[in-house]
PDB file of all heavy atoms in Angstrom:
ATOM      1  N   LEU A   1     223.136 190.805  99.006  1.00  0.00           N
ATOM      2  CA  LEU A   1     222.590 191.994  98.534  1.00  0.00           C
ATOM      3  C   LEU A   1     221.044 191.902  98.680  1.00  0.00           C
ATOM      4  O   LEU A   1     220.407 190.863  98.412  1.00  0.00           O
ATOM      5  CB  LEU A   1     222.851 192.158  97.067  1.00  0.00           C
ATOM      6  CG  LEU A   1     224.429 192.116  96.678  1.00  0.00           C
ATOM      7  CD1 LEU A   1     224.427 192.252  95.110  1.00  0.00           C
ATOM      8  CD2 LEU A   1     225.216 193.198  97.337  1.00  0.00           C
ATOM      9  N   LEU A   2     220.438 193.002  99.206  1.00  0.00           N
ATOM     10  CA  LEU A   2     218.919 192.944  99.353  1.00  0.00           C
ATOM     11  C   LEU A   2     218.292 194.012  98.398  1.00  0.00           C
ATOM     12  O   LEU A   2     218.706 195.191  98.461  1.00  0.00           O
ATOM     13  CB  LEU A   2     218.660 193.183 100.868  1.00  0.00           C
ATOM     14  CG  LEU A   2     219.104 192.246 101.926  1.00  0.00           C
ATOM     15  CD1 LEU A   2     218.551 192.639 103.268  1.00  0.00           C
ATOM     16  CD2 LEU A   2     218.705 190.815 101.556  1.00  0.00           C
ATOM     17  N   PHE A   3     217.355 193.499  97.589  1.00  0.00           N
ATOM     18  CA  PHE A   3     216.697 194.495  96.562  1.00  0.00           C
ATOM     19  C   PHE A   3     215.334 194.587  96.975  1.00  0.00           C
ATOM     20  O   PHE A   3     214.659 193.720  97.495  1.00  0.00           O
ATOM     21  CB  PHE A   3     216.769 193.924  95.142  1.00  0.00           C
ATOM     22  CG  PHE A   3     218.305 193.824  94.604  1.00  0.00           C
ATOM     23  CD1 PHE A   3     218.959 192.626  94.501  1.00  0.00           C
ATOM     24  CD2 PHE A   3     218.912 194.954  94.256  1.00  0.00           C
ATOM     25  CE1 PHE A   3     220.269 192.596  94.092  1.00  0.00           C
ATOM     26  CE2 PHE A   3     220.180 194.939  93.735  1.00  0.00           C
ATOM     27  CZ  PHE A   3     220.876 193.675  93.562  1.00  0.00           C
ATOM     28  N   PHE A   4     214.762 195.850  96.708  1.00  0.00           N
ATOM     29  CA  PHE A   4     213.436 196.095  97.015  1.00  0.00           C
ATOM     30  C   PHE A   4     212.604 196.636  95.842  1.00  0.00           C
ATOM     31  O   PHE A   4     211.388 196.860  95.918  1.00  0.00           O
ATOM     32  CB  PHE A   4     213.374 197.192  98.170  1.00  0.00           C
ATOM     33  CG  PHE A   4     214.026 196.667  99.432  1.00  0.00           C
ATOM     34  CD1 PHE A   4     215.392 196.793  99.610  1.00  0.00           C
ATOM     35  CD2 PHE A   4     213.269 196.108 100.497  1.00  0.00           C
ATOM     36  CE1 PHE A   4     216.037 196.341 100.740  1.00  0.00           C
ATOM     37  CE2 PHE A   4     213.910 195.678 101.638  1.00  0.00           C
ATOM     38  CZ  PHE A   4     215.297 195.834 101.765  1.00  0.00           C
ATOM     39  N   SER A   5     213.225 196.720  94.741  1.00  0.00           N
ATOM     40  CA  SER A   5     212.483 197.023  93.472  1.00  0.00           C
ATOM     41  C   SER A   5     213.215 196.617  92.251  1.00  0.00           C
ATOM     42  O   SER A   5     214.479 196.435  92.242  1.00  0.00           O
ATOM     43  CB  SER A   5     212.287 198.524  93.472  1.00  0.00           C
ATOM     44  OG  SER A   5     213.451 199.260  93.133  1.00  0.00           O
ATOM     45  N   PRO A   6     212.487 196.486  91.173  1.00  0.00           N
ATOM     46  CA  PRO A   6     213.265 196.021  89.915  1.00  0.00           C
ATOM     47  C   PRO A   6     214.317 197.266  89.487  1.00  0.00           C
ATOM     48  O   PRO A   6     215.318 196.920  88.947  1.00  0.00           O
ATOM     49  CB  PRO A   6     212.156 196.146  88.846  1.00  0.00           C
ATOM     50  CG  PRO A   6     210.911 195.663  89.549  1.00  0.00           C
ATOM     51  CD  PRO A   6     211.124 196.395  90.949  1.00  0.00           C
ATOM     52  N   THR A   7     213.946 198.520  89.912  1.00  0.00           N
ATOM     53  CA  THR A   7     214.801 199.626  89.541  1.00  0.00           C
ATOM     54  C   THR A   7     216.136 199.470  90.285  1.00  0.00           C
ATOM     55  O   THR A   7     217.329 199.743  89.722  1.00  0.00           O
ATOM     56  CB  THR A   7     214.219 200.956  90.073  1.00  0.00           C
ATOM     57  OG1 THR A   7     212.950 201.135  89.431  1.00  0.00           O
ATOM     58  CG2 THR A   7     215.150 202.075  89.680  1.00  0.00           C
ATOM     59  N   GLY A   8     216.142 198.865  91.464  1.00  0.00           N
ATOM     60  CA  GLY A   8     217.431 198.686  92.304  1.00  0.00           C
ATOM     61  C   GLY A   8     218.296 197.581  91.577  1.00  0.00           C
ATOM     62  O   GLY A   8     219.402 197.746  91.506  1.00  0.00           O
ATOM     63  N   VAL A   9     217.532 196.520  91.112  1.00  0.00           N
ATOM     64  CA  VAL A   9     218.291 195.514  90.445  1.00  0.00           C
ATOM     65  C   VAL A   9     218.983 196.002  89.191  1.00  0.00           C
ATOM     66  O   VAL A   9     220.182 195.774  88.962  1.00  0.00           O
ATOM     67  CB  VAL A   9     217.343 194.378  90.089  1.00  0.00           C
ATOM     68  CG1 VAL A   9     218.062 193.310  89.266  1.00  0.00           C
ATOM     69  CG2 VAL A   9     216.601 193.797  91.286  1.00  0.00           C
ATOM     70  N   LYS A  10     218.355 196.762  88.448  1.00  0.00           N
ATOM     71  CA  LYS A  10     218.747 197.402  87.249  1.00  0.00           C
ATOM     72  C   LYS A  10     219.774 198.396  87.467  1.00  0.00           C
ATOM     73  O   LYS A  10     220.867 198.516  86.757  1.00  0.00           O
ATOM     74  CB  LYS A  10     217.649 197.962  86.355  1.00  0.00           C
ATOM     75  CG  LYS A  10     216.614 197.058  85.855  1.00  0.00           C
ATOM     76  CD  LYS A  10     215.479 197.662  85.124  1.00  0.00           C
ATOM     77  CE  LYS A  10     214.473 196.650  84.700  1.00  0.00           C
ATOM     78  NZ  LYS A  10     213.302 197.203  84.046  1.00  0.00           N
ATOM     79  N   ALA A  11     219.860 199.023  88.610  1.00  0.00           N
ATOM     80  CA  ALA A  11     220.873 199.922  88.977  1.00  0.00           C
ATOM     81  C   ALA A  11     222.220 199.209  89.254  1.00  0.00           C
ATOM     82  O   ALA A  11     223.279 199.738  88.916  1.00  0.00           O
ATOM     83  CB  ALA A  11     220.426 200.822  90.245  1.00  0.00           C
ATOM     84  N   LEU A  12     222.107 198.038  89.900  1.00  0.00           N
ATOM     85  CA  LEU A  12     223.312 197.341  90.162  1.00  0.00           C
ATOM     86  C   LEU A  12     223.954 196.900  88.726  1.00  0.00           C
ATOM     87  O   LEU A  12     225.112 196.984  88.566  1.00  0.00           O
ATOM     88  CB  LEU A  12     222.988 196.032  90.906  1.00  0.00           C
ATOM     89  CG  LEU A  12     224.173 195.166  91.190  1.00  0.00           C
ATOM     90  CD1 LEU A  12     225.182 195.771  92.156  1.00  0.00           C
ATOM     91  CD2 LEU A  12     223.710 193.740  91.617  1.00  0.00           C
ATOM     92  N   LYS A  13     223.079 196.439  87.792  1.00  0.00           N
ATOM     93  CA  LYS A  13     223.551 196.040  86.526  1.00  0.00           C
ATOM     94  C   LYS A  13     224.238 197.236  85.869  1.00  0.00           C
ATOM     95  O   LYS A  13     225.259 197.079  85.135  1.00  0.00           O
ATOM     96  CB  LYS A  13     222.378 195.569  85.697  1.00  0.00           C
ATOM     97  CG  LYS A  13     222.800 194.981  84.354  1.00  0.00           C
ATOM     98  CD  LYS A  13     223.537 193.543  84.456  1.00  0.00           C
ATOM     99  CE  LYS A  13     223.829 193.005  83.133  1.00  0.00           C
ATOM    100  NZ  LYS A  13     224.476 191.696  83.292  1.00  0.00           N
ATOM    101  N   LYS A  14     223.649 198.430  86.024  1.00  0.00           N
ATOM    102  CA  LYS A  14     224.231 199.601  85.263  1.00  0.00           C
ATOM    103  C   LYS A  14     225.536 200.031  85.909  1.00  0.00           C
ATOM    104  O   LYS A  14     226.462 200.332  85.217  1.00  0.00           O
ATOM    105  CB  LYS A  14     223.242 200.771  85.455  1.00  0.00           C
ATOM    106  CG  LYS A  14     223.666 202.156  84.965  1.00  0.00           C
ATOM    107  CD  LYS A  14     222.636 203.229  85.113  1.00  0.00           C
ATOM    108  CE  LYS A  14     223.095 204.520  84.626  1.00  0.00           C
ATOM    109  NZ  LYS A  14     224.159 205.165  85.289  1.00  0.00           N
ATOM    110  N   ASN A  15     225.787 199.927  87.237  1.00  0.00           N
ATOM    111  CA  ASN A  15     226.960 200.300  87.911  1.00  0.00           C
ATOM    112  C   ASN A  15     228.005 199.223  87.794  1.00  0.00           C
ATOM    113  O   ASN A  15     229.210 199.480  87.716  1.00  0.00           O
ATOM    114  CB  ASN A  15     226.705 200.555  89.457  1.00  0.00           C
ATOM    115  CG  ASN A  15     226.080 201.983  89.529  1.00  0.00           C
ATOM    116  OD1 ASN A  15     226.825 202.921  89.697  1.00  0.00           O
ATOM    117  ND2 ASN A  15     224.747 202.104  89.675  1.00  0.00           N
ATOM    118  N   PHE A  16     227.610 197.960  87.695  1.00  0.00           N
ATOM    119  CA  PHE A  16     228.537 196.804  87.651  1.00  0.00           C
ATOM    120  C   PHE A  16     228.031 195.868  86.410  1.00  0.00           C
ATOM    121  O   PHE A  16     227.561 194.744  86.639  1.00  0.00           O
ATOM    122  CB  PHE A  16     228.516 196.031  88.901  1.00  0.00           C
ATOM    123  CG  PHE A  16     228.880 196.846  90.076  1.00  0.00           C
ATOM    124  CD1 PHE A  16     228.038 197.476  90.920  1.00  0.00           C
ATOM    125  CD2 PHE A  16     230.266 197.022  90.498  1.00  0.00           C
ATOM    126  CE1 PHE A  16     228.316 198.309  91.903  1.00  0.00           C
ATOM    127  CE2 PHE A  16     230.567 197.749  91.577  1.00  0.00           C
ATOM    128  CZ  PHE A  16     229.640 198.325  92.290  1.00  0.00           C
ATOM    129  N   PRO A  17     228.322 196.323  85.234  1.00  0.00           N
ATOM    130  CA  PRO A  17     227.850 195.471  84.102  1.00  0.00           C
ATOM    131  C   PRO A  17     228.444 194.145  83.962  1.00  0.00           C
ATOM    132  O   PRO A  17     227.847 193.317  83.378  1.00  0.00           O
ATOM    133  CB  PRO A  17     228.348 196.342  82.833  1.00  0.00           C
ATOM    134  CG  PRO A  17     229.327 197.353  83.399  1.00  0.00           C
ATOM    135  CD  PRO A  17     228.915 197.555  84.825  1.00  0.00           C
ATOM    136  N   ASP A  18     229.642 193.918  84.593  1.00  0.00           N
ATOM    137  CA  ASP A  18     230.253 192.597  84.605  1.00  0.00           C
ATOM    138  C   ASP A  18     230.065 191.867  85.811  1.00  0.00           C
ATOM    139  O   ASP A  18     230.869 190.921  86.235  1.00  0.00           O
ATOM    140  CB  ASP A  18     231.753 192.785  84.292  1.00  0.00           C
ATOM    141  CG  ASP A  18     232.055 193.484  82.938  1.00  0.00           C
ATOM    142  OD1 ASP A  18     231.268 193.132  82.003  1.00  0.00           O
ATOM    143  OD2 ASP A  18     232.968 194.249  82.807  1.00  0.00           O
ATOM    144  N   PHE A  19     228.998 192.235  86.767  1.00  0.00           N
ATOM    145  CA  PHE A  19     228.817 191.600  88.037  1.00  0.00           C
ATOM    146  C   PHE A  19     228.661 190.142  87.861  1.00  0.00           C
ATOM    147  O   PHE A  19     227.938 189.578  87.084  1.00  0.00           O
ATOM    148  CB  PHE A  19     227.634 192.239  88.562  1.00  0.00           C
ATOM    149  CG  PHE A  19     227.233 191.538  89.934  1.00  0.00           C
ATOM    150  CD1 PHE A  19     227.953 191.802  91.097  1.00  0.00           C
ATOM    151  CD2 PHE A  19     226.111 190.695  89.897  1.00  0.00           C
ATOM    152  CE1 PHE A  19     227.444 191.202  92.305  1.00  0.00           C
ATOM    153  CE2 PHE A  19     225.807 190.114  91.205  1.00  0.00           C
ATOM    154  CZ  PHE A  19     226.459 190.338  92.268  1.00  0.00           C
ATOM    155  N   GLU A  20     229.445 189.312  88.632  1.00  0.00           N
ATOM    156  CA  GLU A  20     229.303 187.947  88.732  1.00  0.00           C
ATOM    157  C   GLU A  20     228.842 187.610  90.174  1.00  0.00           C
ATOM    158  O   GLU A  20     229.654 187.882  91.144  1.00  0.00           O
ATOM    159  CB  GLU A  20     230.661 187.293  88.396  1.00  0.00           C
ATOM    160  CG  GLU A  20     231.045 187.437  86.925  1.00  0.00           C
ATOM    161  CD  GLU A  20     232.156 186.699  86.498  1.00  0.00           C
ATOM    162  OE1 GLU A  20     232.805 185.863  87.370  1.00  0.00           O
ATOM    163  OE2 GLU A  20     232.731 186.870  85.372  1.00  0.00           O
ATOM    164  N   GLN A  21     227.781 186.880  90.342  1.00  0.00           N
ATOM    165  CA  GLN A  21     227.239 186.695  91.623  1.00  0.00           C
ATOM    166  C   GLN A  21     228.106 185.680  92.557  1.00  0.00           C
ATOM    167  O   GLN A  21     228.416 185.943  93.708  1.00  0.00           O
ATOM    168  CB  GLN A  21     225.914 186.016  91.476  1.00  0.00           C
ATOM    169  CG  GLN A  21     225.179 185.758  92.912  1.00  0.00           C
ATOM    170  CD  GLN A  21     223.753 185.267  92.787  1.00  0.00           C
ATOM    171  OE1 GLN A  21     223.283 185.123  91.588  1.00  0.00           O
ATOM    172  NE2 GLN A  21     223.112 185.153  93.837  1.00  0.00           N
ATOM    173  N   GLY A  22     228.548 184.609  92.031  1.00  0.00           N
ATOM    174  CA  GLY A  22     229.332 183.718  92.717  1.00  0.00           C
ATOM    175  C   GLY A  22     228.594 183.234  94.024  1.00  0.00           C
ATOM    176  O   GLY A  22     227.486 182.746  94.003  1.00  0.00           O
ATOM    177  N   ASP A  23     229.326 183.465  95.154  1.00  0.00           N
ATOM    178  CA  ASP A  23     228.774 182.998  96.448  1.00  0.00           C
ATOM    179  C   ASP A  23     227.908 184.175  97.199  1.00  0.00           C
ATOM    180  O   ASP A  23     227.396 183.963  98.250  1.00  0.00           O
ATOM    181  CB  ASP A  23     229.915 182.627  97.441  1.00  0.00           C
ATOM    182  CG  ASP A  23     230.528 181.299  97.077  1.00  0.00           C
ATOM    183  OD1 ASP A  23     229.966 180.565  96.372  1.00  0.00           O
ATOM    184  OD2 ASP A  23     231.661 181.051  97.539  1.00  0.00           O
ATOM    185  N   ILE A  24     227.782 185.249  96.397  1.00  0.00           N
ATOM    186  CA  ILE A  24     226.975 186.336  97.073  1.00  0.00           C
ATOM    187  C   ILE A  24     225.528 185.999  96.980  1.00  0.00           C
ATOM    188  O   ILE A  24     224.902 185.623  95.983  1.00  0.00           O
ATOM    189  CB  ILE A  24     227.156 187.670  96.215  1.00  0.00           C
ATOM    190  CG1 ILE A  24     228.610 188.076  96.208  1.00  0.00           C
ATOM    191  CG2 ILE A  24     226.276 188.806  96.653  1.00  0.00           C
ATOM    192  CD1 ILE A  24     228.963 189.333  95.310  1.00  0.00           C
ATOM    193  N   ARG A  25     224.811 186.074  98.172  1.00  0.00           N
ATOM    194  CA  ARG A  25     223.378 185.745  98.285  1.00  0.00           C
ATOM    195  C   ARG A  25     222.650 187.000  97.829  1.00  0.00           C
ATOM    196  O   ARG A  25     223.052 188.151  98.012  1.00  0.00           O
ATOM    197  CB  ARG A  25     222.967 185.460  99.719  1.00  0.00           C
ATOM    198  CG  ARG A  25     223.237 183.966 100.081  1.00  0.00           C
ATOM    199  CD  ARG A  25     224.626 183.664 100.196  1.00  0.00           C
ATOM    200  NE  ARG A  25     224.863 182.524 101.017  1.00  0.00           N
ATOM    201  CZ  ARG A  25     225.972 182.155 101.617  1.00  0.00           C
ATOM    202  NH1 ARG A  25     227.004 183.025 101.624  1.00  0.00           N
ATOM    203  NH2 ARG A  25     226.097 181.068 102.342  1.00  0.00           N
ATOM    204  N   ILE A  26     221.438 186.728  97.279  1.00  0.00           N
ATOM    205  CA  ILE A  26     220.576 187.822  96.860  1.00  0.00           C
ATOM    206  C   ILE A  26     219.078 187.554  97.496  1.00  0.00           C
ATOM    207  O   ILE A  26     218.558 186.442  97.281  1.00  0.00           O
ATOM    208  CB  ILE A  26     220.435 187.852  95.359  1.00  0.00           C
ATOM    209  CG1 ILE A  26     221.819 188.394  94.771  1.00  0.00           C
ATOM    210  CG2 ILE A  26     219.384 188.890  94.870  1.00  0.00           C
ATOM    211  CD1 ILE A  26     221.760 188.596  93.189  1.00  0.00           C
ATOM    212  N   GLY A  27     218.647 188.591  98.055  1.00  0.00           N
ATOM    213  CA  GLY A  27     217.214 188.503  98.571  1.00  0.00           C
ATOM    214  C   GLY A  27     216.359 189.586  97.948  1.00  0.00           C
ATOM    215  O   GLY A  27     216.993 190.771  97.582  1.00  0.00           O
ATOM    216  N   ALA A  28     215.107 189.355  97.590  1.00  0.00           N
ATOM    217  CA  ALA A  28     214.298 190.363  96.911  1.00  0.00           C
ATOM    218  C   ALA A  28     212.974 190.466  97.562  1.00  0.00           C
ATOM    219  O   ALA A  28     212.465 189.518  98.081  1.00  0.00           O
ATOM    220  CB  ALA A  28     214.089 189.888  95.462  1.00  0.00           C
TER     221      ALA A  28
END
């Protein structure tokens, strides 16, 4: 997942409140 703003990060949390990262890479 590639994020470009804090708003985008919070939007993921809002849509997937139980999101577990596991092996998913995150770039910011």
